[in-house]
C-alpha cells in the first residue's frame, strides 16, 4: 500500500543485492577509527589522482565526434543513481542514443581491476554521473586509452557551501562540470 500521491516503487529496485565488498566495508568502518580511515582514503585519492595525471601528462588527442557515454551507478537505488538514469532518459528524449555504462561492477570488489567503457569508437562525450571521488576512481581504473580524447563532463551532487579541496583538484581532469 502506498501513501496517497506517492508513486509505488518496485521492491526489487530498493533491495540491495548481497555483496561481500559491502560486508567488508562495514567491518572496516566498525574496527578502524575514523582518523585512520581518512588517511587511507586520502592515500587512495592521491594514488588515483597520480594515475589520471600520468595518463594526461603527454597531452590529449584532439576531440572528435563520437558517441555519448553516460557512466554512473545506474543499478543503484540512491538519489545519485536515479539522477543518472534520468539524465539518460533526458538525452534519449532529446533524440540521441547514449550508451549506458554502469560503474557498480567496477566498484563492487575490493581492489577492482581495470574496467572497460562500452565498445565505442574513440571521441565523443563521456558523462560521469557520480561525485568527484567516484569519477576520479573510475578514471584511474579504466584504461586511459579508452577515455583520453573524449570530452569529459562530471555531474556532481554537492549541497554544502564549501567544496572539499580534493574535489576542486579533481575538477582539473574534467572539461566541464
N, C-alpha and C. Protein backbone atom coordinates (compact mmCIF):
# COMPACT_ATOMS: atom_id res chain seq x y z
N UNK A 1 0.85 -1.18 0.00
CA UNK A 1 0.00 0.00 0.00
C UNK A 1 0.88 1.23 0.00
N UNK A 2 0.53 2.22 -0.81
CA UNK A 2 1.32 3.45 -0.86
C UNK A 2 0.50 4.59 -0.31
N UNK A 3 1.19 5.62 0.12
CA UNK A 3 0.52 6.81 0.60
C UNK A 3 -0.10 7.54 -0.58
N UNK A 4 -1.21 8.23 -0.37
CA UNK A 4 -1.82 8.97 -1.48
C UNK A 4 -0.82 9.96 -2.08
N UNK A 5 -0.73 9.96 -3.41
CA UNK A 5 0.17 10.88 -4.09
C UNK A 5 1.59 10.36 -4.26
N UNK A 6 1.90 9.23 -3.68
CA UNK A 6 3.24 8.67 -3.80
C UNK A 6 3.24 7.60 -4.88
N UNK A 7 4.25 7.60 -5.69
CA UNK A 7 4.37 6.57 -6.71
C UNK A 7 4.85 5.28 -6.06
N UNK A 8 4.33 4.18 -6.52
CA UNK A 8 4.77 2.88 -6.00
C UNK A 8 6.17 2.60 -6.52
N UNK A 9 7.07 2.26 -5.63
CA UNK A 9 8.44 1.94 -6.01
C UNK A 9 8.59 0.43 -5.94
N UNK A 10 8.98 -0.19 -7.05
CA UNK A 10 9.15 -1.65 -7.02
C UNK A 10 10.14 -2.06 -5.94
N UNK A 11 9.80 -3.09 -5.20
CA UNK A 11 10.64 -3.53 -4.09
C UNK A 11 12.01 -3.97 -4.59
N UNK A 12 12.08 -4.60 -5.78
CA UNK A 12 13.37 -5.08 -6.26
C UNK A 12 14.34 -3.94 -6.53
N UNK A 13 13.87 -2.73 -6.82
CA UNK A 13 14.76 -1.59 -7.04
C UNK A 13 15.31 -1.06 -5.73
N UNK A 14 14.61 -1.30 -4.64
CA UNK A 14 15.05 -0.76 -3.36
C UNK A 14 15.93 -1.74 -2.60
N UNK A 15 15.77 -3.03 -2.87
CA UNK A 15 16.55 -4.00 -2.12
C UNK A 15 17.97 -4.07 -2.69
N UNK A 16 18.91 -4.31 -1.83
CA UNK A 16 20.30 -4.40 -2.25
C UNK A 16 20.69 -5.86 -2.37
N UNK A 17 21.50 -6.13 -3.37
CA UNK A 17 22.00 -7.48 -3.53
C UNK A 17 23.10 -7.71 -2.51
N UNK A 18 23.24 -8.96 -2.10
CA UNK A 18 24.31 -9.32 -1.18
C UNK A 18 25.65 -9.15 -1.90
N UNK A 19 26.57 -8.46 -1.26
CA UNK A 19 27.86 -8.20 -1.88
C UNK A 19 28.93 -8.31 -0.81
N UNK A 20 29.92 -9.19 -1.00
CA UNK A 20 30.96 -9.32 0.00
C UNK A 20 31.72 -8.02 0.26
N UNK A 21 31.85 -7.18 -0.77
CA UNK A 21 32.54 -5.90 -0.60
C UNK A 21 31.83 -5.00 0.40
N UNK A 22 30.49 -5.04 0.39
CA UNK A 22 29.71 -4.22 1.32
C UNK A 22 29.96 -4.69 2.75
N UNK A 23 29.96 -6.01 2.96
CA UNK A 23 30.21 -6.55 4.29
C UNK A 23 31.60 -6.18 4.79
N UNK A 24 32.59 -6.26 3.90
CA UNK A 24 33.95 -5.90 4.30
C UNK A 24 34.05 -4.42 4.67
N UNK A 25 33.36 -3.55 3.90
CA UNK A 25 33.39 -2.12 4.23
C UNK A 25 32.75 -1.87 5.59
N UNK A 26 31.66 -2.57 5.88
CA UNK A 26 31.02 -2.40 7.20
C UNK A 26 31.96 -2.82 8.32
N UNK A 27 32.65 -3.93 8.14
CA UNK A 27 33.61 -4.38 9.15
C UNK A 27 34.74 -3.36 9.29
N UNK A 28 35.25 -2.88 8.15
CA UNK A 28 36.31 -1.87 8.14
C UNK A 28 35.88 -0.65 8.94
N UNK A 29 34.67 -0.18 8.69
CA UNK A 29 34.17 1.02 9.39
C UNK A 29 33.98 0.75 10.88
N UNK A 30 33.66 -0.49 11.23
CA UNK A 30 33.42 -0.80 12.64
C UNK A 30 34.70 -0.91 13.44
N UNK A 31 35.80 -1.35 12.82
CA UNK A 31 37.00 -1.59 13.61
C UNK A 31 38.11 -0.55 13.43
N UNK A 32 38.06 0.21 12.33
CA UNK A 32 39.14 1.18 12.08
C UNK A 32 38.65 2.58 12.49
N UNK A 33 39.39 3.27 13.33
CA UNK A 33 38.99 4.61 13.76
C UNK A 33 38.86 5.57 12.57
N UNK A 34 37.94 6.53 12.65
CA UNK A 34 37.71 7.46 11.54
C UNK A 34 38.97 8.18 11.06
N UNK A 35 39.85 8.57 11.98
CA UNK A 35 41.07 9.29 11.57
C UNK A 35 41.94 8.42 10.67
N UNK A 36 42.05 7.14 10.98
CA UNK A 36 42.84 6.24 10.13
C UNK A 36 42.14 5.98 8.80
N UNK A 37 40.81 5.89 8.83
CA UNK A 37 40.07 5.71 7.57
C UNK A 37 40.31 6.90 6.65
N UNK A 38 40.31 8.11 7.21
CA UNK A 38 40.54 9.31 6.39
C UNK A 38 41.94 9.29 5.78
N UNK A 39 42.94 8.82 6.54
CA UNK A 39 44.29 8.72 5.98
C UNK A 39 44.31 7.75 4.80
N UNK A 40 43.66 6.62 4.97
CA UNK A 40 43.61 5.64 3.89
C UNK A 40 42.87 6.17 2.67
N UNK A 41 41.77 6.88 2.90
CA UNK A 41 41.03 7.47 1.78
C UNK A 41 41.87 8.51 1.08
N UNK A 42 42.57 9.32 1.85
CA UNK A 42 43.43 10.35 1.26
C UNK A 42 44.52 9.73 0.40
N UNK A 43 45.11 8.64 0.87
CA UNK A 43 46.15 7.96 0.10
C UNK A 43 45.57 7.37 -1.19
N UNK A 44 44.37 6.80 -1.10
CA UNK A 44 43.74 6.22 -2.30
C UNK A 44 43.41 7.30 -3.31
N UNK A 45 42.92 8.45 -2.84
CA UNK A 45 42.61 9.56 -3.74
C UNK A 45 43.88 10.09 -4.39
N UNK A 46 44.95 10.22 -3.60
CA UNK A 46 46.22 10.71 -4.15
C UNK A 46 46.76 9.75 -5.21
N UNK A 47 46.65 8.44 -4.97
CA UNK A 47 47.10 7.46 -5.94
C UNK A 47 46.28 7.56 -7.23
N UNK A 48 44.97 7.65 -7.10
CA UNK A 48 44.11 7.77 -8.28
C UNK A 48 44.43 9.06 -9.05
N UNK A 49 44.65 10.15 -8.32
CA UNK A 49 44.97 11.42 -8.97
C UNK A 49 46.29 11.31 -9.74
N UNK A 50 47.29 10.63 -9.15
CA UNK A 50 48.58 10.44 -9.85
C UNK A 50 48.40 9.61 -11.12
N UNK A 51 47.59 8.56 -11.05
CA UNK A 51 47.36 7.73 -12.24
C UNK A 51 46.72 8.53 -13.36
N UNK A 52 45.69 9.30 -13.03
CA UNK A 52 44.99 10.08 -14.05
C UNK A 52 45.90 11.17 -14.60
N UNK A 53 46.64 11.85 -13.71
CA UNK A 53 47.56 12.90 -14.17
C UNK A 53 48.63 12.31 -15.08
N UNK A 54 49.14 11.12 -14.77
CA UNK A 54 50.15 10.49 -15.62
C UNK A 54 49.57 10.16 -16.99
N UNK A 55 48.30 9.75 -17.02
CA UNK A 55 47.66 9.43 -18.30
C UNK A 55 47.49 10.67 -19.17
N UNK A 56 47.40 11.83 -18.54
CA UNK A 56 47.20 13.08 -19.28
C UNK A 56 48.48 13.88 -19.44
N UNK A 57 49.60 13.38 -18.91
CA UNK A 57 50.85 14.13 -18.91
C UNK A 57 51.35 14.47 -20.31
N UNK A 58 51.15 13.59 -21.25
CA UNK A 58 51.63 13.83 -22.62
C UNK A 58 50.60 14.56 -23.47
N UNK A 59 49.60 15.12 -22.85
CA UNK A 59 48.55 15.80 -23.60
C UNK A 59 47.44 14.84 -23.96
N UNK A 60 46.54 15.36 -24.74
CA UNK A 60 45.37 14.58 -25.07
C UNK A 60 45.09 14.72 -26.56
N UNK A 61 44.62 13.64 -27.22
CA UNK A 61 44.31 13.77 -28.63
C UNK A 61 43.19 14.80 -28.84
N UNK A 62 43.10 15.31 -30.03
CA UNK A 62 42.04 16.27 -30.34
C UNK A 62 40.69 15.58 -30.23
N UNK A 63 39.69 16.35 -29.81
CA UNK A 63 38.35 15.80 -29.70
C UNK A 63 37.79 15.54 -31.08
N UNK A 64 37.00 14.49 -31.18
CA UNK A 64 36.35 14.18 -32.44
C UNK A 64 34.92 13.74 -32.16
N UNK A 65 34.05 13.83 -33.15
CA UNK A 65 32.67 13.38 -32.94
C UNK A 65 32.66 11.90 -32.55
N UNK A 66 31.68 11.54 -31.80
CA UNK A 66 31.56 10.15 -31.37
C UNK A 66 30.34 9.97 -30.50
N UNK A 67 30.27 8.85 -29.83
CA UNK A 67 29.08 8.55 -29.03
C UNK A 67 29.03 9.35 -27.73
N UNK A 68 27.85 9.40 -27.15
CA UNK A 68 27.66 9.94 -25.81
C UNK A 68 27.58 8.74 -24.88
N UNK A 69 28.50 8.67 -23.92
CA UNK A 69 28.51 7.59 -22.94
C UNK A 69 28.16 8.19 -21.59
N UNK A 70 27.16 7.62 -20.93
CA UNK A 70 26.77 8.08 -19.59
C UNK A 70 27.15 6.98 -18.60
N UNK A 71 28.11 7.29 -17.74
CA UNK A 71 28.55 6.36 -16.70
C UNK A 71 27.99 6.81 -15.36
N UNK A 72 27.59 5.87 -14.56
CA UNK A 72 27.08 6.17 -13.23
C UNK A 72 26.78 4.87 -12.52
N UNK A 73 26.31 4.99 -11.31
CA UNK A 73 25.89 3.82 -10.54
C UNK A 73 24.44 3.52 -10.92
N UNK A 74 24.24 3.16 -12.17
CA UNK A 74 22.92 3.06 -12.77
C UNK A 74 22.03 2.01 -12.13
N UNK A 75 22.60 0.97 -11.57
CA UNK A 75 21.79 -0.09 -10.97
C UNK A 75 21.48 0.19 -9.50
N UNK A 76 21.96 1.29 -8.97
CA UNK A 76 21.76 1.60 -7.56
C UNK A 76 20.38 2.17 -7.25
N UNK A 77 20.10 2.31 -5.97
CA UNK A 77 18.82 2.84 -5.51
C UNK A 77 18.96 4.23 -4.90
N UNK A 78 20.15 4.82 -4.94
CA UNK A 78 20.37 6.12 -4.32
C UNK A 78 19.86 7.25 -5.21
N UNK A 79 19.82 8.43 -4.67
CA UNK A 79 19.40 9.60 -5.44
C UNK A 79 20.35 9.90 -6.59
N UNK A 80 21.66 9.71 -6.39
CA UNK A 80 22.63 9.93 -7.46
C UNK A 80 22.40 8.93 -8.58
N UNK A 81 22.05 7.70 -8.22
CA UNK A 81 21.77 6.68 -9.24
C UNK A 81 20.51 7.04 -10.03
N UNK A 82 19.49 7.47 -9.33
CA UNK A 82 18.24 7.87 -10.00
C UNK A 82 18.50 9.06 -10.92
N UNK A 83 19.29 10.01 -10.46
CA UNK A 83 19.61 11.18 -11.29
C UNK A 83 20.35 10.76 -12.56
N UNK A 84 21.25 9.78 -12.46
CA UNK A 84 21.97 9.31 -13.65
C UNK A 84 21.00 8.67 -14.64
N UNK A 85 20.04 7.89 -14.14
CA UNK A 85 19.06 7.28 -15.03
C UNK A 85 18.18 8.35 -15.68
N UNK A 86 17.85 9.39 -14.94
CA UNK A 86 17.06 10.48 -15.51
C UNK A 86 17.84 11.24 -16.57
N UNK A 87 19.14 11.40 -16.36
CA UNK A 87 19.98 12.04 -17.38
C UNK A 87 19.96 11.21 -18.67
N UNK A 88 20.07 9.90 -18.53
CA UNK A 88 20.00 9.03 -19.71
C UNK A 88 18.68 9.23 -20.45
N UNK A 89 17.57 9.23 -19.70
CA UNK A 89 16.26 9.41 -20.33
C UNK A 89 16.14 10.77 -21.00
N UNK A 90 16.68 11.79 -20.35
CA UNK A 90 16.62 13.13 -20.93
C UNK A 90 17.38 13.21 -22.25
N UNK A 91 18.55 12.60 -22.29
CA UNK A 91 19.34 12.60 -23.53
C UNK A 91 18.60 11.82 -24.62
N UNK A 92 17.96 10.72 -24.23
CA UNK A 92 17.18 9.94 -25.20
C UNK A 92 15.99 10.76 -25.71
N UNK A 93 15.32 11.48 -24.81
CA UNK A 93 14.18 12.31 -25.22
C UNK A 93 14.60 13.43 -26.17
N UNK A 94 15.86 13.84 -26.07
CA UNK A 94 16.38 14.88 -26.96
C UNK A 94 16.74 14.32 -28.34
N UNK A 95 16.57 13.01 -28.53
CA UNK A 95 16.79 12.41 -29.83
C UNK A 95 18.13 11.75 -30.03
N UNK A 96 18.91 11.60 -28.96
CA UNK A 96 20.21 10.95 -29.05
C UNK A 96 20.12 9.51 -28.53
N UNK A 97 21.10 8.71 -28.84
CA UNK A 97 21.16 7.34 -28.34
C UNK A 97 22.41 7.19 -27.47
N UNK A 98 22.33 7.62 -26.21
CA UNK A 98 23.51 7.50 -25.34
C UNK A 98 23.79 6.03 -25.01
N UNK A 99 25.04 5.75 -24.76
CA UNK A 99 25.44 4.41 -24.33
C UNK A 99 25.46 4.39 -22.81
N UNK A 100 24.82 3.39 -22.22
CA UNK A 100 24.77 3.26 -20.77
C UNK A 100 26.00 2.52 -20.27
N UNK A 101 26.52 2.99 -19.12
CA UNK A 101 27.71 2.36 -18.54
C UNK A 101 27.56 2.38 -17.03
N UNK A 102 27.23 1.22 -16.47
CA UNK A 102 27.06 1.09 -15.02
C UNK A 102 28.42 0.90 -14.36
N UNK A 103 28.77 1.79 -13.44
CA UNK A 103 30.05 1.70 -12.74
C UNK A 103 30.02 0.77 -11.53
N UNK A 104 28.84 0.30 -11.14
CA UNK A 104 28.73 -0.54 -9.94
C UNK A 104 29.66 -1.75 -9.99
N UNK A 105 29.73 -2.50 -11.11
CA UNK A 105 30.65 -3.64 -11.12
C UNK A 105 32.12 -3.24 -10.94
N UNK A 106 32.47 -2.05 -11.39
CA UNK A 106 33.85 -1.58 -11.26
C UNK A 106 34.22 -1.38 -9.79
N UNK A 107 33.24 -0.98 -8.98
CA UNK A 107 33.48 -0.70 -7.57
C UNK A 107 33.04 -1.84 -6.65
N UNK A 108 32.50 -2.92 -7.21
CA UNK A 108 31.91 -3.98 -6.39
C UNK A 108 32.92 -4.72 -5.53
N UNK A 109 34.05 -5.07 -6.08
CA UNK A 109 35.03 -5.85 -5.33
C UNK A 109 36.14 -4.99 -4.78
N UNK A 110 36.72 -5.47 -3.71
CA UNK A 110 37.87 -4.77 -3.16
C UNK A 110 39.01 -4.88 -4.15
N UNK A 111 39.66 -3.77 -4.45
CA UNK A 111 40.78 -3.77 -5.37
C UNK A 111 40.37 -4.13 -6.78
N UNK A 112 39.19 -3.64 -7.20
CA UNK A 112 38.70 -3.96 -8.53
C UNK A 112 39.75 -3.61 -9.58
N UNK A 113 39.84 -4.44 -10.58
CA UNK A 113 40.87 -4.27 -11.60
C UNK A 113 40.50 -3.21 -12.62
N UNK A 114 41.09 -3.34 -13.78
CA UNK A 114 40.89 -2.37 -14.85
C UNK A 114 39.51 -2.57 -15.44
N UNK A 115 38.77 -1.49 -15.55
CA UNK A 115 37.43 -1.54 -16.11
C UNK A 115 37.43 -1.22 -17.59
N UNK A 116 36.26 -1.26 -18.16
CA UNK A 116 36.08 -1.00 -19.58
C UNK A 116 34.99 0.04 -19.77
N UNK A 117 35.04 0.72 -20.88
CA UNK A 117 33.93 1.53 -21.34
C UNK A 117 33.18 0.70 -22.36
N UNK A 118 31.92 1.04 -22.66
CA UNK A 118 31.23 0.29 -23.71
C UNK A 118 32.03 0.35 -25.01
N UNK A 119 31.95 -0.72 -25.79
CA UNK A 119 32.66 -0.75 -27.07
C UNK A 119 32.12 0.38 -27.94
N UNK A 120 32.96 1.35 -28.19
CA UNK A 120 32.54 2.53 -28.95
C UNK A 120 33.75 3.11 -29.65
N UNK A 121 33.51 3.78 -30.76
CA UNK A 121 34.64 4.45 -31.41
C UNK A 121 35.20 5.55 -30.51
N UNK A 122 36.42 5.93 -30.76
CA UNK A 122 37.06 6.99 -29.97
C UNK A 122 36.32 8.30 -30.19
N UNK A 123 36.54 9.22 -29.28
CA UNK A 123 35.92 10.53 -29.38
C UNK A 123 34.58 10.56 -28.68
N UNK A 124 33.86 11.62 -28.92
CA UNK A 124 32.55 11.77 -28.32
C UNK A 124 32.62 12.38 -26.93
N UNK A 125 31.58 12.12 -26.16
CA UNK A 125 31.41 12.71 -24.83
C UNK A 125 31.25 11.60 -23.81
N UNK A 126 31.95 11.76 -22.68
CA UNK A 126 31.82 10.82 -21.57
C UNK A 126 31.28 11.60 -20.38
N UNK A 127 30.04 11.30 -20.00
CA UNK A 127 29.41 11.94 -18.85
C UNK A 127 29.57 11.00 -17.66
N UNK A 128 30.28 11.46 -16.64
CA UNK A 128 30.44 10.67 -15.41
C UNK A 128 29.46 11.23 -14.39
N UNK A 129 28.36 10.53 -14.21
CA UNK A 129 27.29 10.99 -13.33
C UNK A 129 27.47 10.39 -11.95
N UNK A 130 28.62 10.70 -11.35
CA UNK A 130 28.96 10.31 -9.98
C UNK A 130 29.72 11.48 -9.36
N UNK A 131 29.89 11.46 -8.08
CA UNK A 131 30.61 12.55 -7.43
C UNK A 131 32.11 12.45 -7.73
N UNK A 132 32.83 13.49 -7.36
CA UNK A 132 34.25 13.61 -7.70
C UNK A 132 35.09 12.40 -7.30
N UNK A 133 34.98 11.88 -6.07
CA UNK A 133 35.84 10.74 -5.71
C UNK A 133 35.59 9.51 -6.59
N UNK A 134 34.31 9.22 -6.87
CA UNK A 134 33.98 8.07 -7.69
C UNK A 134 34.40 8.29 -9.15
N UNK A 135 34.25 9.54 -9.64
CA UNK A 135 34.67 9.85 -11.00
C UNK A 135 36.16 9.67 -11.17
N UNK A 136 36.92 10.15 -10.20
CA UNK A 136 38.38 10.00 -10.22
C UNK A 136 38.76 8.53 -10.15
N UNK A 137 38.08 7.78 -9.27
CA UNK A 137 38.37 6.34 -9.16
C UNK A 137 38.05 5.62 -10.46
N UNK A 138 36.95 5.97 -11.10
CA UNK A 138 36.60 5.34 -12.38
C UNK A 138 37.66 5.63 -13.43
N UNK A 139 38.09 6.89 -13.50
CA UNK A 139 39.12 7.24 -14.49
C UNK A 139 40.42 6.50 -14.22
N UNK A 140 40.75 6.29 -12.94
CA UNK A 140 42.00 5.62 -12.62
C UNK A 140 41.91 4.11 -12.84
N UNK A 141 40.70 3.55 -12.86
CA UNK A 141 40.52 2.10 -13.03
C UNK A 141 40.19 1.69 -14.45
N UNK A 142 39.91 2.65 -15.32
CA UNK A 142 39.63 2.36 -16.72
C UNK A 142 40.86 2.76 -17.53
N UNK A 143 41.27 1.90 -18.42
CA UNK A 143 42.47 2.15 -19.22
C UNK A 143 42.39 3.52 -19.89
N UNK A 144 43.41 4.36 -19.72
CA UNK A 144 43.39 5.72 -20.27
C UNK A 144 43.13 5.79 -21.77
N UNK A 145 43.58 4.79 -22.52
CA UNK A 145 43.35 4.81 -23.96
C UNK A 145 41.87 4.79 -24.31
N UNK A 146 41.04 4.33 -23.37
CA UNK A 146 39.60 4.27 -23.62
C UNK A 146 38.90 5.60 -23.36
N UNK A 147 39.49 6.47 -22.53
CA UNK A 147 38.80 7.73 -22.22
C UNK A 147 39.56 8.98 -22.66
N UNK A 148 40.84 8.87 -22.95
CA UNK A 148 41.56 10.05 -23.43
C UNK A 148 40.98 10.47 -24.78
N UNK A 149 40.83 11.74 -25.01
CA UNK A 149 40.28 12.23 -26.27
C UNK A 149 38.76 12.33 -26.26
N UNK A 150 38.14 11.93 -25.16
CA UNK A 150 36.69 12.12 -25.02
C UNK A 150 36.46 13.38 -24.19
N UNK A 151 35.46 14.13 -24.55
CA UNK A 151 35.10 15.32 -23.78
C UNK A 151 34.43 14.84 -22.50
N UNK A 152 35.05 15.11 -21.34
CA UNK A 152 34.58 14.58 -20.07
C UNK A 152 33.76 15.61 -19.30
N UNK A 153 32.55 15.20 -18.94
CA UNK A 153 31.65 16.05 -18.16
C UNK A 153 31.38 15.34 -16.83
N UNK A 154 31.62 16.03 -15.74
CA UNK A 154 31.33 15.49 -14.42
C UNK A 154 30.01 16.06 -13.92
N UNK A 155 29.13 15.19 -13.46
CA UNK A 155 27.87 15.63 -12.87
C UNK A 155 27.95 15.26 -11.39
N UNK A 156 28.20 16.25 -10.57
CA UNK A 156 28.42 16.04 -9.15
C UNK A 156 27.24 16.59 -8.36
N UNK A 157 26.89 15.90 -7.29
CA UNK A 157 25.83 16.36 -6.39
C UNK A 157 26.49 16.77 -5.08
N UNK A 158 26.51 18.06 -4.82
CA UNK A 158 27.11 18.53 -3.59
C UNK A 158 26.27 19.66 -3.05
N UNK A 159 25.90 19.60 -1.78
CA UNK A 159 24.92 20.53 -1.23
C UNK A 159 25.43 21.38 -0.07
N UNK A 160 26.72 21.40 0.15
CA UNK A 160 27.27 22.21 1.23
C UNK A 160 27.94 23.45 0.64
N UNK A 161 28.12 24.51 1.45
CA UNK A 161 28.63 25.76 0.90
C UNK A 161 30.10 25.74 0.47
N UNK A 162 30.89 24.79 0.99
CA UNK A 162 32.31 24.75 0.66
C UNK A 162 32.63 23.41 0.02
N UNK A 163 33.22 23.48 -1.16
CA UNK A 163 33.61 22.27 -1.88
C UNK A 163 34.90 21.73 -1.25
N UNK A 164 34.98 20.43 -0.99
CA UNK A 164 36.23 19.89 -0.44
C UNK A 164 37.40 20.14 -1.39
N UNK A 165 38.55 20.38 -0.85
CA UNK A 165 39.75 20.68 -1.65
C UNK A 165 40.06 19.56 -2.64
N UNK A 166 39.85 18.30 -2.21
CA UNK A 166 40.14 17.18 -3.11
C UNK A 166 39.21 17.20 -4.33
N UNK A 167 37.98 17.67 -4.16
CA UNK A 167 37.05 17.76 -5.29
C UNK A 167 37.52 18.85 -6.25
N UNK A 168 37.99 19.96 -5.69
CA UNK A 168 38.48 21.06 -6.54
C UNK A 168 39.67 20.60 -7.38
N UNK A 169 40.55 19.81 -6.79
CA UNK A 169 41.70 19.30 -7.54
C UNK A 169 41.25 18.32 -8.62
N UNK A 170 40.23 17.54 -8.34
CA UNK A 170 39.71 16.57 -9.31
C UNK A 170 39.07 17.28 -10.50
N UNK A 171 38.55 18.47 -10.31
CA UNK A 171 37.90 19.21 -11.39
C UNK A 171 38.84 19.43 -12.57
N UNK A 172 40.13 19.47 -12.33
CA UNK A 172 41.11 19.68 -13.40
C UNK A 172 41.09 18.57 -14.45
N UNK A 173 40.55 17.40 -14.11
CA UNK A 173 40.54 16.27 -15.04
C UNK A 173 39.27 16.22 -15.88
N UNK A 174 38.39 17.18 -15.69
CA UNK A 174 37.14 17.25 -16.44
C UNK A 174 37.14 18.49 -17.31
N UNK A 175 36.44 18.44 -18.41
CA UNK A 175 36.33 19.59 -19.28
C UNK A 175 35.16 20.47 -18.88
N UNK A 176 34.20 19.88 -18.19
CA UNK A 176 33.00 20.62 -17.81
C UNK A 176 32.39 19.95 -16.59
N UNK A 177 31.82 20.77 -15.70
CA UNK A 177 31.11 20.25 -14.53
C UNK A 177 29.70 20.78 -14.56
